[in-house]
Amino acid sequence: PWLESERLAANGAYLEAAHALCAALLAASARRGELTLHPAKTTGDYARELRRRGAASERDFQRFRARYDRVVYDIQRCGAEDYAALLADARPMLARGRAA
């Protein structure tokens, strides 16, 4: 999902890139054992699971989730600036994934 996010953003498909970026973060958290992926779960479900498990990425995910939910579900548009902000919010979790 991370490479797909980069590809989509490079092509100007920022909303789709945001979805792929979220999927990349969730996959990385699942690999670290911080959460269990399920297609019916929402970002809120994942946030609660991260908090319940005391995951190191919980605060960073909450920050990402607040922006992601606003862009994807509230305004349903994502421009270059929105995607850049999402990416900035995601960087700590992506770095944690590479270090793990």
N, C-alpha and C. Protein backbone atom coordinates (compact mmCIF):
# COMPACT_ATOMS: atom_id res chain seq x y z
N PRO A 1 0.80 -1.22 0.00
CA PRO A 1 0.00 0.00 0.00
C PRO A 1 0.84 1.28 0.00
N TRP A 2 2.03 1.22 0.61
CA TRP A 2 2.88 2.41 0.66
C TRP A 2 3.32 2.83 -0.74
N LEU A 3 3.80 1.88 -1.53
CA LEU A 3 4.23 2.20 -2.90
C LEU A 3 3.05 2.66 -3.74
N GLU A 4 1.89 2.06 -3.53
CA GLU A 4 0.69 2.47 -4.25
C GLU A 4 0.31 3.90 -3.86
N SER A 5 0.45 4.25 -2.61
CA SER A 5 0.17 5.60 -2.15
C SER A 5 1.08 6.61 -2.85
N GLU A 6 2.36 6.29 -2.92
CA GLU A 6 3.31 7.18 -3.60
C GLU A 6 2.96 7.32 -5.08
N ARG A 7 2.62 6.21 -5.73
CA ARG A 7 2.28 6.24 -7.14
C ARG A 7 1.04 7.08 -7.39
N LEU A 8 0.02 6.87 -6.60
CA LEU A 8 -1.23 7.61 -6.76
C LEU A 8 -1.01 9.11 -6.53
N ALA A 9 -0.25 9.46 -5.50
CA ALA A 9 0.02 10.87 -5.23
C ALA A 9 0.80 11.50 -6.38
N ALA A 10 1.76 10.77 -6.92
CA ALA A 10 2.55 11.29 -8.05
C ALA A 10 1.66 11.55 -9.27
N ASN A 11 0.56 10.81 -9.38
CA ASN A 11 -0.38 10.99 -10.48
C ASN A 11 -1.51 11.96 -10.14
N GLY A 12 -1.45 12.59 -8.98
CA GLY A 12 -2.45 13.57 -8.59
C GLY A 12 -3.74 12.98 -8.04
N ALA A 13 -3.77 11.69 -7.79
CA ALA A 13 -4.96 11.03 -7.23
C ALA A 13 -4.82 11.01 -5.70
N TYR A 14 -4.94 12.18 -5.10
CA TYR A 14 -4.62 12.33 -3.68
C TYR A 14 -5.61 11.63 -2.75
N LEU A 15 -6.88 11.61 -3.08
CA LEU A 15 -7.84 10.93 -2.21
C LEU A 15 -7.55 9.43 -2.18
N GLU A 16 -7.31 8.85 -3.33
CA GLU A 16 -6.96 7.43 -3.40
C GLU A 16 -5.62 7.18 -2.70
N ALA A 17 -4.69 8.12 -2.84
CA ALA A 17 -3.39 8.00 -2.18
C ALA A 17 -3.56 8.02 -0.66
N ALA A 18 -4.49 8.84 -0.17
CA ALA A 18 -4.75 8.89 1.27
C ALA A 18 -5.26 7.55 1.77
N HIS A 19 -6.16 6.92 1.02
CA HIS A 19 -6.65 5.59 1.40
C HIS A 19 -5.50 4.58 1.45
N ALA A 20 -4.64 4.62 0.46
CA ALA A 20 -3.51 3.68 0.41
C ALA A 20 -2.53 3.96 1.55
N LEU A 21 -2.33 5.23 1.88
CA LEU A 21 -1.44 5.58 2.98
C LEU A 21 -1.99 5.03 4.30
N CYS A 22 -3.28 5.17 4.50
CA CYS A 22 -3.90 4.62 5.71
C CYS A 22 -3.72 3.11 5.75
N ALA A 23 -3.94 2.45 4.62
CA ALA A 23 -3.75 1.00 4.56
C ALA A 23 -2.31 0.61 4.87
N ALA A 24 -1.36 1.40 4.42
CA ALA A 24 0.05 1.13 4.70
C ALA A 24 0.34 1.25 6.19
N LEU A 25 -0.23 2.27 6.84
CA LEU A 25 -0.01 2.44 8.28
C LEU A 25 -0.62 1.29 9.07
N LEU A 26 -1.83 0.89 8.67
CA LEU A 26 -2.48 -0.21 9.37
C LEU A 26 -1.72 -1.52 9.17
N ALA A 27 -1.24 -1.75 7.96
CA ALA A 27 -0.46 -2.97 7.69
C ALA A 27 0.81 -2.99 8.52
N ALA A 28 1.48 -1.83 8.63
CA ALA A 28 2.71 -1.77 9.43
C ALA A 28 2.40 -2.04 10.90
N SER A 29 1.30 -1.47 11.39
CA SER A 29 0.92 -1.71 12.79
C SER A 29 0.57 -3.18 13.01
N ALA A 30 -0.08 -3.79 12.04
CA ALA A 30 -0.42 -5.22 12.16
C ALA A 30 0.84 -6.07 12.19
N ARG A 31 1.83 -5.72 11.34
CA ARG A 31 3.10 -6.48 11.34
C ARG A 31 3.81 -6.39 12.68
N ARG A 32 3.66 -5.25 13.37
CA ARG A 32 4.28 -5.07 14.68
C ARG A 32 3.45 -5.70 15.79
N GLY A 33 2.28 -6.26 15.45
CA GLY A 33 1.42 -6.88 16.45
C GLY A 33 0.61 -5.90 17.26
N GLU A 34 0.49 -4.67 16.78
CA GLU A 34 -0.24 -3.65 17.52
C GLU A 34 -1.75 -3.73 17.29
N LEU A 35 -2.16 -4.35 16.19
CA LEU A 35 -3.58 -4.48 15.89
C LEU A 35 -3.81 -5.65 14.95
N THR A 36 -5.06 -6.01 14.82
CA THR A 36 -5.47 -7.08 13.92
C THR A 36 -6.34 -6.47 12.83
N LEU A 37 -5.95 -6.69 11.58
CA LEU A 37 -6.70 -6.13 10.46
C LEU A 37 -8.00 -6.88 10.24
N HIS A 38 -9.04 -6.12 9.90
CA HIS A 38 -10.33 -6.70 9.55
C HIS A 38 -11.05 -5.70 8.66
N PRO A 39 -11.63 -6.15 7.54
CA PRO A 39 -12.25 -5.22 6.59
C PRO A 39 -13.44 -4.44 7.16
N ALA A 40 -14.06 -4.90 8.22
CA ALA A 40 -15.20 -4.19 8.79
C ALA A 40 -14.80 -3.13 9.81
N LYS A 41 -13.53 -3.10 10.20
CA LYS A 41 -13.09 -2.14 11.21
C LYS A 41 -12.95 -0.74 10.60
N THR A 42 -13.26 0.25 11.42
CA THR A 42 -13.10 1.65 11.04
C THR A 42 -11.80 2.18 11.64
N THR A 43 -11.42 3.39 11.24
CA THR A 43 -10.23 3.99 11.86
C THR A 43 -10.45 4.16 13.36
N GLY A 44 -11.69 4.42 13.77
CA GLY A 44 -11.99 4.52 15.20
C GLY A 44 -11.78 3.20 15.91
N ASP A 45 -12.19 2.10 15.27
CA ASP A 45 -11.95 0.78 15.85
C ASP A 45 -10.46 0.53 16.03
N TYR A 46 -9.68 0.88 15.01
CA TYR A 46 -8.23 0.67 15.10
C TYR A 46 -7.62 1.56 16.18
N ALA A 47 -8.09 2.80 16.28
CA ALA A 47 -7.57 3.70 17.32
C ALA A 47 -7.83 3.13 18.71
N ARG A 48 -9.05 2.61 18.92
CA ARG A 48 -9.37 2.01 20.21
C ARG A 48 -8.51 0.78 20.49
N GLU A 49 -8.27 -0.02 19.44
CA GLU A 49 -7.44 -1.22 19.62
C GLU A 49 -6.00 -0.83 19.98
N LEU A 50 -5.48 0.17 19.31
CA LEU A 50 -4.12 0.63 19.62
C LEU A 50 -4.04 1.13 21.06
N ARG A 51 -5.04 1.88 21.50
CA ARG A 51 -5.07 2.39 22.87
C ARG A 51 -5.16 1.23 23.87
N ARG A 52 -6.07 0.29 23.60
CA ARG A 52 -6.27 -0.87 24.49
C ARG A 52 -4.97 -1.68 24.65
N ARG A 53 -4.23 -1.80 23.56
CA ARG A 53 -2.99 -2.59 23.61
C ARG A 53 -1.78 -1.78 24.08
N GLY A 54 -1.97 -0.50 24.31
CA GLY A 54 -0.86 0.34 24.74
C GLY A 54 0.21 0.48 23.68
N ALA A 55 -0.20 0.53 22.41
CA ALA A 55 0.74 0.57 21.29
C ALA A 55 1.51 1.89 21.25
N ALA A 56 2.77 1.79 20.90
CA ALA A 56 3.62 2.97 20.80
C ALA A 56 3.11 3.97 19.76
N SER A 57 2.43 3.48 18.75
CA SER A 57 1.98 4.36 17.68
C SER A 57 0.59 4.97 17.92
N GLU A 58 0.00 4.73 19.07
CA GLU A 58 -1.38 5.17 19.33
C GLU A 58 -1.56 6.68 19.17
N ARG A 59 -0.73 7.48 19.75
CA ARG A 59 -0.86 8.95 19.65
C ARG A 59 -0.66 9.43 18.22
N ASP A 60 0.35 8.88 17.56
CA ASP A 60 0.60 9.28 16.17
C ASP A 60 -0.58 8.89 15.28
N PHE A 61 -1.15 7.71 15.52
CA PHE A 61 -2.30 7.29 14.71
C PHE A 61 -3.50 8.19 14.98
N GLN A 62 -3.70 8.60 16.21
CA GLN A 62 -4.82 9.50 16.52
C GLN A 62 -4.69 10.81 15.75
N ARG A 63 -3.48 11.34 15.67
CA ARG A 63 -3.24 12.58 14.92
C ARG A 63 -3.53 12.37 13.44
N PHE A 64 -3.01 11.28 12.87
CA PHE A 64 -3.25 10.95 11.47
C PHE A 64 -4.75 10.75 11.24
N ARG A 65 -5.38 10.00 12.11
CA ARG A 65 -6.80 9.66 11.96
C ARG A 65 -7.68 10.90 11.96
N ALA A 66 -7.40 11.87 12.81
CA ALA A 66 -8.22 13.08 12.87
C ALA A 66 -8.22 13.79 11.51
N ARG A 67 -7.05 13.92 10.91
CA ARG A 67 -6.94 14.58 9.61
C ARG A 67 -7.53 13.70 8.51
N TYR A 68 -7.21 12.42 8.55
CA TYR A 68 -7.69 11.48 7.52
C TYR A 68 -9.21 11.42 7.49
N ASP A 69 -9.84 11.26 8.64
CA ASP A 69 -11.30 11.18 8.68
C ASP A 69 -11.94 12.47 8.18
N ARG A 70 -11.36 13.63 8.50
CA ARG A 70 -11.90 14.90 8.02
C ARG A 70 -11.81 14.98 6.50
N VAL A 71 -10.64 14.65 5.97
CA VAL A 71 -10.43 14.75 4.52
C VAL A 71 -11.25 13.70 3.76
N VAL A 72 -11.20 12.47 4.20
CA VAL A 72 -11.81 11.37 3.46
C VAL A 72 -13.33 11.30 3.67
N TYR A 73 -13.78 11.48 4.89
CA TYR A 73 -15.19 11.26 5.17
C TYR A 73 -16.01 12.55 5.28
N ASP A 74 -15.41 13.62 5.77
CA ASP A 74 -16.16 14.87 5.91
C ASP A 74 -16.20 15.66 4.61
N ILE A 75 -15.02 16.10 4.13
CA ILE A 75 -15.03 16.93 2.92
C ILE A 75 -14.93 16.09 1.64
N GLN A 76 -14.51 14.85 1.77
CA GLN A 76 -14.44 13.89 0.66
C GLN A 76 -13.62 14.42 -0.52
N ARG A 77 -12.59 15.16 -0.19
CA ARG A 77 -11.63 15.68 -1.17
C ARG A 77 -10.26 15.71 -0.51
N CYS A 78 -9.27 15.48 -1.32
CA CYS A 78 -7.90 15.53 -0.80
C CYS A 78 -7.02 16.14 -1.87
N GLY A 79 -6.44 17.28 -1.57
CA GLY A 79 -5.53 17.93 -2.49
C GLY A 79 -4.09 17.65 -2.10
N ALA A 80 -3.20 18.25 -2.83
CA ALA A 80 -1.76 18.05 -2.58
C ALA A 80 -1.37 18.46 -1.16
N GLU A 81 -1.91 19.59 -0.69
CA GLU A 81 -1.56 20.06 0.66
C GLU A 81 -2.11 19.12 1.73
N ASP A 82 -3.34 18.65 1.52
CA ASP A 82 -3.92 17.70 2.48
C ASP A 82 -3.10 16.42 2.53
N TYR A 83 -2.71 15.91 1.36
CA TYR A 83 -1.93 14.68 1.32
C TYR A 83 -0.57 14.89 1.99
N ALA A 84 0.05 16.03 1.74
CA ALA A 84 1.35 16.32 2.36
C ALA A 84 1.21 16.34 3.88
N ALA A 85 0.11 16.89 4.38
CA ALA A 85 -0.11 16.92 5.83
C ALA A 85 -0.34 15.51 6.37
N LEU A 86 -1.11 14.71 5.65
CA LEU A 86 -1.31 13.32 6.06
C LEU A 86 0.01 12.56 6.09
N LEU A 87 0.82 12.79 5.08
CA LEU A 87 2.12 12.13 5.02
C LEU A 87 3.00 12.56 6.19
N ALA A 88 2.96 13.83 6.53
CA ALA A 88 3.74 14.31 7.68
C ALA A 88 3.26 13.65 8.97
N ASP A 89 1.94 13.50 9.11
CA ASP A 89 1.40 12.82 10.29
C ASP A 89 1.80 11.34 10.31
N ALA A 90 1.92 10.74 9.13
CA ALA A 90 2.24 9.31 9.02
C ALA A 90 3.72 9.01 9.21
N ARG A 91 4.59 9.97 8.97
CA ARG A 91 6.03 9.70 8.99
C ARG A 91 6.53 9.03 10.27
N PRO A 92 6.11 9.48 11.46
CA PRO A 92 6.61 8.79 12.67
C PRO A 92 6.24 7.31 12.70
N MET A 93 5.06 6.97 12.22
CA MET A 93 4.63 5.57 12.23
C MET A 93 5.37 4.78 11.15
N LEU A 94 5.61 5.41 10.01
CA LEU A 94 6.36 4.75 8.94
C LEU A 94 7.80 4.49 9.38
N ALA A 95 8.39 5.48 10.04
CA ALA A 95 9.76 5.32 10.55
C ALA A 95 9.83 4.22 11.59
N ARG A 96 8.82 4.16 12.46
CA ARG A 96 8.77 3.10 13.48
C ARG A 96 8.70 1.74 12.82
N GLY A 97 7.97 1.66 11.72
CA GLY A 97 7.85 0.39 11.00
C GLY A 97 9.17 -0.06 10.41
N ARG A 98 9.95 0.88 9.92
CA ARG A 98 11.26 0.53 9.34
C ARG A 98 12.24 0.14 10.44
N ALA A 99 12.09 0.74 11.62
CA ALA A 99 13.00 0.44 12.73
C ALA A 99 12.66 -0.88 13.39
N ALA A 100 11.41 -1.31 13.24
CA ALA A 100 10.97 -2.54 13.93
C ALA A 100 11.51 -3.78 13.26
